[in-house]
Structures are given as structure tokens and as C-alpha cells.
Amino acid sequence: MRDLVVWLAQQLVQDKGAVKVDALERDRSTVLELTVAPDDLGRVIGRGGRTAKALRTVVDLAARREGRRAVLDILD
């Protein structure tokens, strides 16, 4: 799941080297923390948060396929 978020984020940003995803495991859930370059933050969040919502939906569906729960946090 972490690799999926890294790949998706790299497709959205200009500074691909600044994409970082930390995975924190808790019981049956995972918290994925996405960090990108400050200039690319708007690209990842999108207009009105639409891109961020889409990313969170993809992460949630990928986790459900594995019988888990996952949350994506976008850090600034």
C-alpha cells in the first residue's frame, strides 16, 4: 500500500525525490503519512481537496482488499 501511495504521489508532483510516505501500524489499521515538497502540496491536495479525497479513497479500497483499514494523512 505504501508503494501505491508513493507511485500515485510521484505522478502528481514535480519534485519526485521529495515524496516520502511513512507507515505507522496500529492494531488492524495503518496510518500513511505523505510528505511532499512545499511547492507541490497544492498539486496533491487539488482544487477543493478533490485530489486528496481521491487518494484517500484509493488507499481505503486497497486496504479493504487486504481486510485492513488505512488512513492517508497529507503533512505540510
C-alpha atoms as a PDB file:
ATOM      1  CA  MET A   1       0.000   0.000   0.000  1.00  0.00           C
ATOM      2  CA  ARG A   2       2.886   2.334   0.807  1.00  0.00           C
ATOM      3  CA  ASP A   3       4.350   1.786  -2.655  1.00  0.00           C
ATOM      4  CA  LEU A   4       0.987   2.582  -4.235  1.00  0.00           C
ATOM      5  CA  VAL A   5       0.811   5.951  -2.452  1.00  0.00           C
ATOM      6  CA  VAL A   6       4.409   6.778  -3.404  1.00  0.00           C
ATOM      7  CA  TRP A   7       3.718   5.974  -7.057  1.00  0.00           C
ATOM      8  CA  LEU A   8       0.466   7.953  -7.166  1.00  0.00           C
ATOM      9  CA  ALA A   9       2.033  10.984  -5.467  1.00  0.00           C
ATOM     10  CA  GLN A  10       5.033  10.937  -7.798  1.00  0.00           C
ATOM     11  CA  GLN A  11       2.665  11.128 -10.773  1.00  0.00           C
ATOM     12  CA  LEU A  12       1.190  14.361  -9.375  1.00  0.00           C
ATOM     13  CA  VAL A  13       4.265  16.326  -8.252  1.00  0.00           C
ATOM     14  CA  GLN A  14       7.214  17.964  -9.982  1.00  0.00           C
ATOM     15  CA  ASP A  15       9.819  17.152  -7.288  1.00  0.00           C
ATOM     16  CA  LYS A  16       9.536  13.353  -7.259  1.00  0.00           C
ATOM     17  CA  GLY A  17      12.526  12.987  -4.932  1.00  0.00           C
ATOM     18  CA  ALA A  18      10.732  14.828  -2.133  1.00  0.00           C
ATOM     19  CA  VAL A  19       7.872  12.314  -1.942  1.00  0.00           C
ATOM     20  CA  LYS A  20       8.028  10.416   1.330  1.00  0.00           C
ATOM     21  CA  VAL A  21       5.490   8.037   2.874  1.00  0.00           C
ATOM     22  CA  ASP A  22       5.768   6.766   6.441  1.00  0.00           C
ATOM     23  CA  ALA A  23       3.555   3.883   7.514  1.00  0.00           C
ATOM     24  CA  LEU A  24       2.501   3.615  11.143  1.00  0.00           C
ATOM     25  CA  GLU A  25       0.914   0.286  12.088  1.00  0.00           C
ATOM     26  CA  ARG A  26      -1.788   0.188  14.742  1.00  0.00           C
ATOM     27  CA  ASP A  27      -3.726  -2.996  15.547  1.00  0.00           C
ATOM     28  CA  ARG A  28      -5.683  -3.708  12.353  1.00  0.00           C
ATOM     29  CA  SER A  29      -5.167  -0.289  10.781  1.00  0.00           C
ATOM     30  CA  THR A  30      -2.392   1.626   9.074  1.00  0.00           C
ATOM     31  CA  VAL A  31      -1.764   5.363   9.053  1.00  0.00           C
ATOM     32  CA  LEU A  32       0.124   6.520   5.957  1.00  0.00           C
ATOM     33  CA  GLU A  33       1.743   9.944   6.269  1.00  0.00           C
ATOM     34  CA  LEU A  34       2.513  11.564   2.914  1.00  0.00           C
ATOM     35  CA  THR A  35       5.070  14.366   2.722  1.00  0.00           C
ATOM     36  CA  VAL A  36       5.862  16.304  -0.465  1.00  0.00           C
ATOM     37  CA  ALA A  37       7.799  19.455  -1.332  1.00  0.00           C
ATOM     38  CA  PRO A  38       6.038  22.674  -0.223  1.00  0.00           C
ATOM     39  CA  ASP A  39       5.600  23.790  -3.840  1.00  0.00           C
ATOM     40  CA  ASP A  40       3.834  20.514  -4.695  1.00  0.00           C
ATOM     41  CA  LEU A  41       1.422  20.475  -1.764  1.00  0.00           C
ATOM     42  CA  GLY A  42      -1.328  22.161  -3.792  1.00  0.00           C
ATOM     43  CA  ARG A  43      -1.000  19.564  -6.537  1.00  0.00           C
ATOM     44  CA  VAL A  44      -1.505  16.719  -4.073  1.00  0.00           C
ATOM     45  CA  ILE A  45      -4.451  18.369  -2.318  1.00  0.00           C
ATOM     46  CA  GLY A  46      -6.086  19.597  -5.510  1.00  0.00           C
ATOM     47  CA  ARG A  47      -8.813  22.136  -6.065  1.00  0.00           C
ATOM     48  CA  GLY A  48     -11.248  21.916  -3.200  1.00  0.00           C
ATOM     49  CA  GLY A  49      -9.442  18.850  -1.860  1.00  0.00           C
ATOM     50  CA  ARG A  50     -10.655  16.633  -4.689  1.00  0.00           C
ATOM     51  CA  THR A  51      -7.286  15.023  -5.400  1.00  0.00           C
ATOM     52  CA  ALA A  52      -6.664  14.332  -1.703  1.00  0.00           C
ATOM     53  CA  LYS A  53     -10.113  12.760  -1.418  1.00  0.00           C
ATOM     54  CA  ALA A  54      -9.431  10.552  -4.442  1.00  0.00           C
ATOM     55  CA  LEU A  55      -6.084   9.434  -2.981  1.00  0.00           C
ATOM     56  CA  ARG A  56      -7.760   8.591   0.329  1.00  0.00           C
ATOM     57  CA  THR A  57     -10.435   6.588  -1.494  1.00  0.00           C
ATOM     58  CA  VAL A  58      -7.841   4.534  -3.370  1.00  0.00           C
ATOM     59  CA  VAL A  59      -5.917   3.854  -0.135  1.00  0.00           C
ATOM     60  CA  ASP A  60      -9.114   2.835   1.660  1.00  0.00           C
ATOM     61  CA  LEU A  61     -10.129   0.434  -1.115  1.00  0.00           C
ATOM     62  CA  ALA A  62      -6.649  -1.117  -1.319  1.00  0.00           C
ATOM     63  CA  ALA A  63      -6.684  -1.681   2.442  1.00  0.00           C
ATOM     64  CA  ARG A  64     -10.149  -3.234   2.384  1.00  0.00           C
ATOM     65  CA  ARG A  65      -8.971  -5.752  -0.196  1.00  0.00           C
ATOM     66  CA  GLU A  66      -6.438  -6.907   2.392  1.00  0.00           C
ATOM     67  CA  GLY A  67      -9.030  -6.943   5.176  1.00  0.00           C
ATOM     68  CA  ARG A  68      -7.447  -3.947   6.878  1.00  0.00           C
ATOM     69  CA  ARG A  69      -8.189  -0.276   7.443  1.00  0.00           C
ATOM     70  CA  ALA A  70      -5.942   2.540   6.267  1.00  0.00           C
ATOM     71  CA  VAL A  71      -5.913   6.308   6.598  1.00  0.00           C
ATOM     72  CA  LEU A  72      -3.893   8.731   4.478  1.00  0.00           C
ATOM     73  CA  ASP A  73      -2.630  11.915   6.136  1.00  0.00           C
ATOM     74  CA  ILE A  74      -1.055  14.599   3.957  1.00  0.00           C
ATOM     75  CA  LEU A  75       1.505  16.507   6.001  1.00  0.00           C
ATOM     76  CA  ASP A  76       2.717  20.025   5.228  1.00  0.00           C
END
